C-alpha atoms as a PDB file:
ATOM      1  CA  MET A   1       0.000   0.000   0.000  1.00  0.00           C
ATOM      2  CA  VAL A   2       1.328   3.430  -0.965  1.00  0.00           C
ATOM      3  CA  ASP A   3       1.479   5.977   1.843  1.00  0.00           C
ATOM      4  CA  PHE A   4      -0.088   9.140   0.388  1.00  0.00           C
ATOM      5  CA  LYS A   5       0.466  12.471   2.100  1.00  0.00           C
ATOM      6  CA  ARG A   6      -1.333  15.535   0.727  1.00  0.00           C
ATOM      7  CA  ALA A   7       0.935  18.530   0.172  1.00  0.00           C
ATOM      8  CA  VAL A   8       0.289  21.668   2.203  1.00  0.00           C
ATOM      9  CA  ALA A   9      -1.386  24.436   0.191  1.00  0.00           C
ATOM     10  CA  LYS A  10       1.012  27.393   0.205  1.00  0.00           C
ATOM     11  CA  LYS A  11      -0.453  30.848   0.844  1.00  0.00           C
ATOM     12  CA  ILE A  12       0.617  32.726  -2.245  1.00  0.00           C
ATOM     13  CA  ARG A  13      -0.163  35.794  -4.357  1.00  0.00           C
ATOM     14  CA  ILE A  14      -1.487  35.289  -7.874  1.00  0.00           C
ATOM     15  CA  SER A  15       1.472  37.196  -9.338  1.00  0.00           C
ATOM     16  CA  GLU A  16       3.820  34.544  -7.913  1.00  0.00           C
ATOM     17  CA  ILE A  17       1.862  31.806  -9.668  1.00  0.00           C
ATOM     18  CA  LEU A  18       1.886  33.711 -12.957  1.00  0.00           C
ATOM     19  CA  GLU A  19       5.640  34.418 -12.737  1.00  0.00           C
ATOM     20  CA  SER A  20       6.493  30.827 -11.829  1.00  0.00           C
ATOM     21  CA  LYS A  21       7.800  28.119 -14.105  1.00  0.00           C
ATOM     22  CA  TYR A  22       5.415  25.172 -14.449  1.00  0.00           C
ATOM     23  CA  VAL A  23       7.158  21.802 -14.034  1.00  0.00           C
ATOM     24  CA  ARG A  24       5.297  18.752 -15.296  1.00  0.00           C
ATOM     25  CA  ASP A  25       6.422  15.598 -13.515  1.00  0.00           C
ATOM     26  CA  ASP A  26       5.736  12.341 -15.329  1.00  0.00           C
ATOM     27  CA  GLY A  27       6.558  10.157 -12.342  1.00  0.00           C
ATOM     28  CA  ASP A  28       4.582   9.532  -9.151  1.00  0.00           C
ATOM     29  CA  ALA A  29       5.280  13.031  -7.842  1.00  0.00           C
ATOM     30  CA  PRO A  30       2.718  15.754  -8.651  1.00  0.00           C
ATOM     31  CA  SER A  31       3.450  18.534 -11.111  1.00  0.00           C
ATOM     32  CA  TYR A  32       4.328  21.859  -9.478  1.00  0.00           C
ATOM     33  CA  ILE A  33       5.349  25.461 -10.022  1.00  0.00           C
ATOM     34  CA  LEU A  34       8.811  26.736  -9.285  1.00  0.00           C
ATOM     35  CA  THR A  35       8.341  30.216  -7.811  1.00  0.00           C
ATOM     36  CA  PRO A  36      10.781  33.099  -8.445  1.00  0.00           C
ATOM     37  CA  SER A  37      12.057  32.576  -4.877  1.00  0.00           C
ATOM     38  CA  GLY A  38      12.859  28.924  -5.677  1.00  0.00           C
ATOM     39  CA  ASP A  39       9.982  27.195  -3.854  1.00  0.00           C
ATOM     40  CA  ALA A  40       8.443  24.088  -5.449  1.00  0.00           C
ATOM     41  CA  VAL A  41       4.676  24.416  -4.894  1.00  0.00           C
ATOM     42  CA  SER A  42       2.184  21.707  -5.876  1.00  0.00           C
ATOM     43  CA  ARG A  43      -0.858  23.161  -4.043  1.00  0.00           C
ATOM     44  CA  VAL A  44      -1.799  26.820  -3.590  1.00  0.00           C
ATOM     45  CA  ASN A  45      -4.026  28.760  -1.201  1.00  0.00           C
ATOM     46  CA  VAL A  46      -5.251  32.051  -2.721  1.00  0.00           C
ATOM     47  CA  VAL A  47      -7.767  34.657  -1.556  1.00  0.00           C
ATOM     48  CA  GLY A  48      -9.137  37.120  -4.087  1.00  0.00           C
ATOM     49  CA  VAL A  49     -12.265  38.666  -5.516  1.00  0.00           C
ATOM     50  CA  VAL A  50     -14.303  37.238  -8.389  1.00  0.00           C
ATOM     51  CA  ILE A  51     -14.049  39.757 -11.244  1.00  0.00           C
ATOM     52  CA  GLU A  52     -15.481  37.706 -14.084  1.00  0.00           C
ATOM     53  CA  GLN A  53     -17.493  34.580 -14.734  1.00  0.00           C
ATOM     54  CA  GLY A  54     -15.412  32.496 -17.116  1.00  0.00           C
ATOM     55  CA  GLU A  55     -16.364  29.494 -19.168  1.00  0.00           C
ATOM     56  CA  ALA A  56     -18.631  26.915 -17.545  1.00  0.00           C
ATOM     57  CA  GLY A  57     -17.037  25.839 -14.289  1.00  0.00           C
ATOM     58  CA  SER A  58     -14.578  28.723 -13.981  1.00  0.00           C
ATOM     59  CA  VAL A  59     -14.204  32.211 -12.540  1.00  0.00           C
ATOM     60  CA  ILE A  60     -11.486  34.819 -12.912  1.00  0.00           C
ATOM     61  CA  ILE A  61     -10.161  36.034  -9.566  1.00  0.00           C
ATOM     62  CA  ASP A  62      -7.950  38.996  -8.708  1.00  0.00           C
ATOM     63  CA  ASP A  63      -5.983  39.518  -5.515  1.00  0.00           C
ATOM     64  CA  GLY A  64      -4.551  42.872  -6.516  1.00  0.00           C
ATOM     65  CA  SER A  65      -1.303  41.358  -7.764  1.00  0.00           C
ATOM     66  CA  GLY A  66      -2.743  39.576 -10.788  1.00  0.00           C
ATOM     67  CA  ARG A  67      -5.652  37.667 -12.288  1.00  0.00           C
ATOM     68  CA  ILE A  68      -6.035  33.930 -12.732  1.00  0.00           C
ATOM     69  CA  SER A  69      -8.736  31.476 -13.682  1.00  0.00           C
ATOM     70  CA  ALA A  70      -9.970  29.059 -11.021  1.00  0.00           C
ATOM     71  CA  ARG A  71     -11.592  26.009 -12.594  1.00  0.00           C
ATOM     72  CA  VAL A  72     -13.843  23.447 -10.977  1.00  0.00           C
ATOM     73  CA  PHE A  73     -14.105  20.215 -12.925  1.00  0.00           C
ATOM     74  CA  SER A  74     -16.907  18.739 -10.850  1.00  0.00           C
ATOM     75  CA  GLY A  75     -19.776  20.723  -9.421  1.00  0.00           C
ATOM     76  CA  ILE A  76     -21.151  24.180 -10.080  1.00  0.00           C
ATOM     77  CA  ILE A  77     -19.590  27.515  -9.175  1.00  0.00           C
ATOM     78  CA  LYS A  78     -22.071  29.625  -7.219  1.00  0.00           C
ATOM     79  CA  ASN A  79     -19.900  32.695  -6.653  1.00  0.00           C
ATOM     80  CA  ALA A  80     -20.924  36.059  -8.101  1.00  0.00           C
ATOM     81  CA  ILE A  81     -18.790  38.934  -9.371  1.00  0.00           C
ATOM     82  CA  GLY A  82     -17.571  40.899  -6.352  1.00  0.00           C
ATOM     83  CA  ASP A  83     -17.516  37.901  -3.967  1.00  0.00           C
ATOM     84  CA  PHE A  84     -14.330  37.360  -1.986  1.00  0.00           C
ATOM     85  CA  VAL A  85     -13.263  33.741  -2.365  1.00  0.00           C
ATOM     86  CA  LEU A  86     -10.762  31.294  -0.945  1.00  0.00           C
ATOM     87  CA  VAL A  87      -9.317  28.955  -3.571  1.00  0.00           C
ATOM     88  CA  ILE A  88      -7.266  25.910  -2.657  1.00  0.00           C
ATOM     89  CA  GLY A  89      -6.047  23.774  -5.494  1.00  0.00           C
ATOM     90  CA  ARG A  90      -3.309  22.731  -7.846  1.00  0.00           C
ATOM     91  CA  PRO A  91      -1.569  25.187 -10.153  1.00  0.00           C
ATOM     92  CA  ARG A  92      -1.832  24.005 -13.746  1.00  0.00           C
ATOM     93  CA  GLU A  93      -0.856  25.201 -17.190  1.00  0.00           C
ATOM     94  CA  PHE A  94      -2.620  24.801 -20.526  1.00  0.00           C
ATOM     95  CA  GLY A  95      -0.656  26.200 -23.438  1.00  0.00           C
ATOM     96  CA  ASN A  96       0.981  29.262 -21.894  1.00  0.00           C
ATOM     97  CA  ASP A  97      -1.914  30.041 -19.545  1.00  0.00           C
ATOM     98  CA  LYS A  98      -1.700  29.178 -15.870  1.00  0.00           C
ATOM     99  CA  TYR A  99      -4.831  28.414 -13.878  1.00  0.00           C
ATOM    100  CA  ILE A 100      -5.831  26.809 -10.581  1.00  0.00           C
ATOM    101  CA  SER A 101      -7.598  23.452 -10.622  1.00  0.00           C
ATOM    102  CA  ALA A 102      -9.739  24.196  -7.572  1.00  0.00           C
ATOM    103  CA  GLU A 103     -10.310  21.572  -4.898  1.00  0.00           C
ATOM    104  CA  ILE A 104     -12.040  24.184  -2.713  1.00  0.00           C
ATOM    105  CA  LEU A 105     -13.634  27.410  -3.926  1.00  0.00           C
ATOM    106  CA  LYS A 106     -15.721  29.091  -1.273  1.00  0.00           C
ATOM    107  CA  THR A 107     -16.946  32.564  -0.393  1.00  0.00           C
ATOM    108  CA  VAL A 108     -15.175  34.328   2.481  1.00  0.00           C
ATOM    109  CA  SER A 109     -15.735  37.683   4.165  1.00  0.00           C
ATOM    110  CA  LYS A 110     -13.896  40.887   3.309  1.00  0.00           C
ATOM    111  CA  ASP A 111     -12.305  40.651   6.783  1.00  0.00           C
ATOM    112  CA  TRP A 112     -10.858  37.271   5.788  1.00  0.00           C
ATOM    113  CA  ALA A 113      -9.429  38.809   2.594  1.00  0.00           C
ATOM    114  CA  ASP A 114      -7.941  41.714   4.583  1.00  0.00           C
ATOM    115  CA  LEU A 115      -6.328  39.276   7.013  1.00  0.00           C
ATOM    116  CA  ARG A 116      -4.780  37.303   4.148  1.00  0.00           C
ATOM    117  CA  LYS A 117      -3.377  40.495   2.634  1.00  0.00           C
ATOM    118  CA  LYS A 118      -1.712  41.325   5.973  1.00  0.00           C
ATOM    119  CA  GLU A 119      -0.337  37.788   6.257  1.00  0.00           C
ATOM    120  CA  LEU A 120       1.255  37.968   2.822  1.00  0.00           C
ATOM    121  CA  VAL A 121       2.712  41.414   3.486  1.00  0.00           C
ATOM    122  CA  SER A 122       4.413  40.125   6.632  1.00  0.00           C
ATOM    123  CA  ILE A 123       5.601  36.981   4.842  1.00  0.00           C
ATOM    124  CA  GLN A 124       6.981  38.819   1.824  1.00  0.00           C
ATOM    125  CA  LYS A 125       8.272  41.906   3.665  1.00  0.00           C
ATOM    126  CA  THR A 126       7.106  44.299   0.961  1.00  0.00           C
ATOM    127  CA  VAL A 127       8.842  47.567   0.157  1.00  0.00           C
ATOM    128  CA  PRO A 128       7.650  50.487   2.300  1.00  0.00           C
ATOM    129  CA  VAL A 129       5.433  53.116   0.686  1.00  0.00           C
ATOM    130  CA  ALA A 130       7.357  56.061  -0.781  1.00  0.00           C
ATOM    131  CA  LYS A 131       6.823  59.594   0.554  1.00  0.00           C
ATOM    132  CA  GLU A 132       5.225  60.658  -2.751  1.00  0.00           C
ATOM    133  CA  THR A 133       2.387  58.205  -2.099  1.00  0.00           C
ATOM    134  CA  ARG A 134       1.532  59.391   1.414  1.00  0.00           C
ATOM    135  CA  ASN A 135      -1.987  60.230   0.237  1.00  0.00           C
ATOM    136  CA  THR A 136      -2.931  56.600  -0.457  1.00  0.00           C
ATOM    137  CA  ASP A 137      -5.591  56.552   2.280  1.00  0.00           C
ATOM    138  CA  PHE A 138      -7.182  59.611   0.708  1.00  0.00           C
ATOM    139  CA  VAL A 139      -7.166  57.996  -2.756  1.00  0.00           C
ATOM    140  CA  ILE A 140      -8.621  54.748  -1.386  1.00  0.00           C
ATOM    141  CA  ASN A 141     -11.434  56.704   0.292  1.00  0.00           C
ATOM    142  CA  VAL A 142     -12.129  58.592  -2.952  1.00  0.00           C
ATOM    143  CA  ILE A 143     -12.392  55.295  -4.847  1.00  0.00           C
ATOM    144  CA  ARG A 144     -14.725  53.852  -2.192  1.00  0.00           C
ATOM    145  CA  ASN A 145     -16.948  56.941  -2.305  1.00  0.00           C
ATOM    146  CA  LEU A 146     -17.130  57.004  -6.124  1.00  0.00           C
ATOM    147  CA  ASP A 147     -17.807  53.274  -6.430  1.00  0.00           C
ATOM    148  CA  LYS A 148     -21.538  52.725  -6.867  1.00  0.00           C
ATOM    149  CA  GLY A 149     -21.150  48.957  -7.261  1.00  0.00           C
ATOM    150  CA  ASP A 150     -19.409  48.534 -10.610  1.00  0.00           C
ATOM    151  CA  GLY A 151     -16.166  50.326  -9.733  1.00  0.00           C
ATOM    152  CA  ALA A 152     -14.985  53.945  -9.749  1.00  0.00           C
ATOM    153  CA  SER A 153     -14.086  55.575 -13.051  1.00  0.00           C
ATOM    154  CA  TYR A 154     -10.396  56.511 -13.327  1.00  0.00           C
ATOM    155  CA  ASP A 155     -11.381  59.865 -14.852  1.00  0.00           C
ATOM    156  CA  GLU A 156     -13.652  60.626 -11.880  1.00  0.00           C
ATOM    157  CA  ILE A 157     -10.843  59.680  -9.484  1.00  0.00           C
ATOM    158  CA  VAL A 158      -8.468  62.102 -11.230  1.00  0.00           C
ATOM    159  CA  LYS A 159     -11.069  64.926 -11.025  1.00  0.00           C
ATOM    160  CA  ALA A 160     -11.881  64.227  -7.369  1.00  0.00           C
ATOM    161  CA  THR A 161      -8.279  64.002  -6.145  1.00  0.00           C
ATOM    162  CA  LYS A 162      -6.798  66.876  -8.190  1.00  0.00           C
ATOM    163  CA  ASP A 163      -3.495  65.077  -7.612  1.00  0.00           C
ATOM    164  CA  PRO A 164      -0.752  65.461 -10.251  1.00  0.00           C
ATOM    165  CA  ALA A 165       0.821  62.172  -9.076  1.00  0.00           C
ATOM    166  CA  ILE A 166      -2.450  60.195  -9.168  1.00  0.00           C
ATOM    167  CA  GLU A 167      -1.245  57.818 -11.908  1.00  0.00           C
ATOM    168  CA  LYS A 168       1.772  56.839  -9.799  1.00  0.00           C
ATOM    169  CA  THR A 169      -0.392  56.407  -6.695  1.00  0.00           C
ATOM    170  CA  VAL A 170      -2.945  54.257  -8.536  1.00  0.00           C
ATOM    171  CA  SER A 171      -0.155  52.097 -10.018  1.00  0.00           C
ATOM    172  CA  MET A 172       1.363  51.604  -6.583  1.00  0.00           C
ATOM    173  CA  LEU A 173      -2.040  50.684  -5.074  1.00  0.00           C
ATOM    174  CA  LEU A 174      -2.618  48.154  -7.873  1.00  0.00           C
ATOM    175  CA  GLU A 175       0.842  46.612  -7.343  1.00  0.00           C
ATOM    176  CA  GLN A 176       0.350  46.341  -3.575  1.00  0.00           C
ATOM    177  CA  GLY A 177      -3.062  44.746  -3.998  1.00  0.00           C
ATOM    178  CA  MET A 178      -4.978  47.536  -2.270  1.00  0.00           C
ATOM    179  CA  ILE A 179      -7.197  48.094  -5.328  1.00  0.00           C
ATOM    180  CA  PHE A 180      -7.967  46.142  -8.490  1.00  0.00           C
ATOM    181  CA  GLN A 181      -9.266  46.903 -11.944  1.00  0.00           C
ATOM    182  CA  VAL A 182     -12.749  45.484 -12.551  1.00  0.00           C
ATOM    183  CA  LYS A 183     -12.493  46.399 -16.234  1.00  0.00           C
ATOM    184  CA  PRO A 184     -10.415  48.968 -18.113  1.00  0.00           C
ATOM    185  CA  GLY A 185     -10.829  52.366 -16.468  1.00  0.00           C
ATOM    186  CA  LYS A 186     -12.887  51.045 -13.496  1.00  0.00           C
ATOM    187  CA  LEU A 187     -11.221  50.547 -10.105  1.00  0.00           C
ATOM    188  CA  LYS A 188     -12.404  48.944  -6.852  1.00  0.00           C
ATOM    189  CA  VAL A 189     -10.917  48.759  -3.378  1.00  0.00           C
ATOM    190  CA  LEU A 190     -10.016  45.192  -2.428  1.00  0.00           C
END
């Protein structure tokens, strides 16, 4: 009898999955991704927001660092656009596109998503915010106030902030996963 031990699902940002090299193992060992930091990861644990309903049995999720498809090969996905979700599954690649073959895909609270973001920041020791971006709280509040459900228009954000460095601030917020782009020109706070 073979002793099977399930691999731990690594808490990871979507950008790390997308930047990783996919390694297909033909032996008994599972396929995995080789992250930029050198970790071999065969199961991932991601928290993000559903931004798009994909093909049958899939959703596109965004954690602020990137977007990836989560696919369920048995069952029905009941998550709606805007839901925060926890996805645990195996990273896979088809052609040049990476996706997550979801074992678990369930709705979580915004508080859960905020906690995960803090966990990953402490794990990855991100770069501190530059002095030029000291108004990020203000920009986040502007986006929240302008968002009527489908995201805040970038043009409206520029008008409301009257900030000459708004493009740099928005880029930094996108990179740090504080906000995400629902569709071109529409931003939401994560």
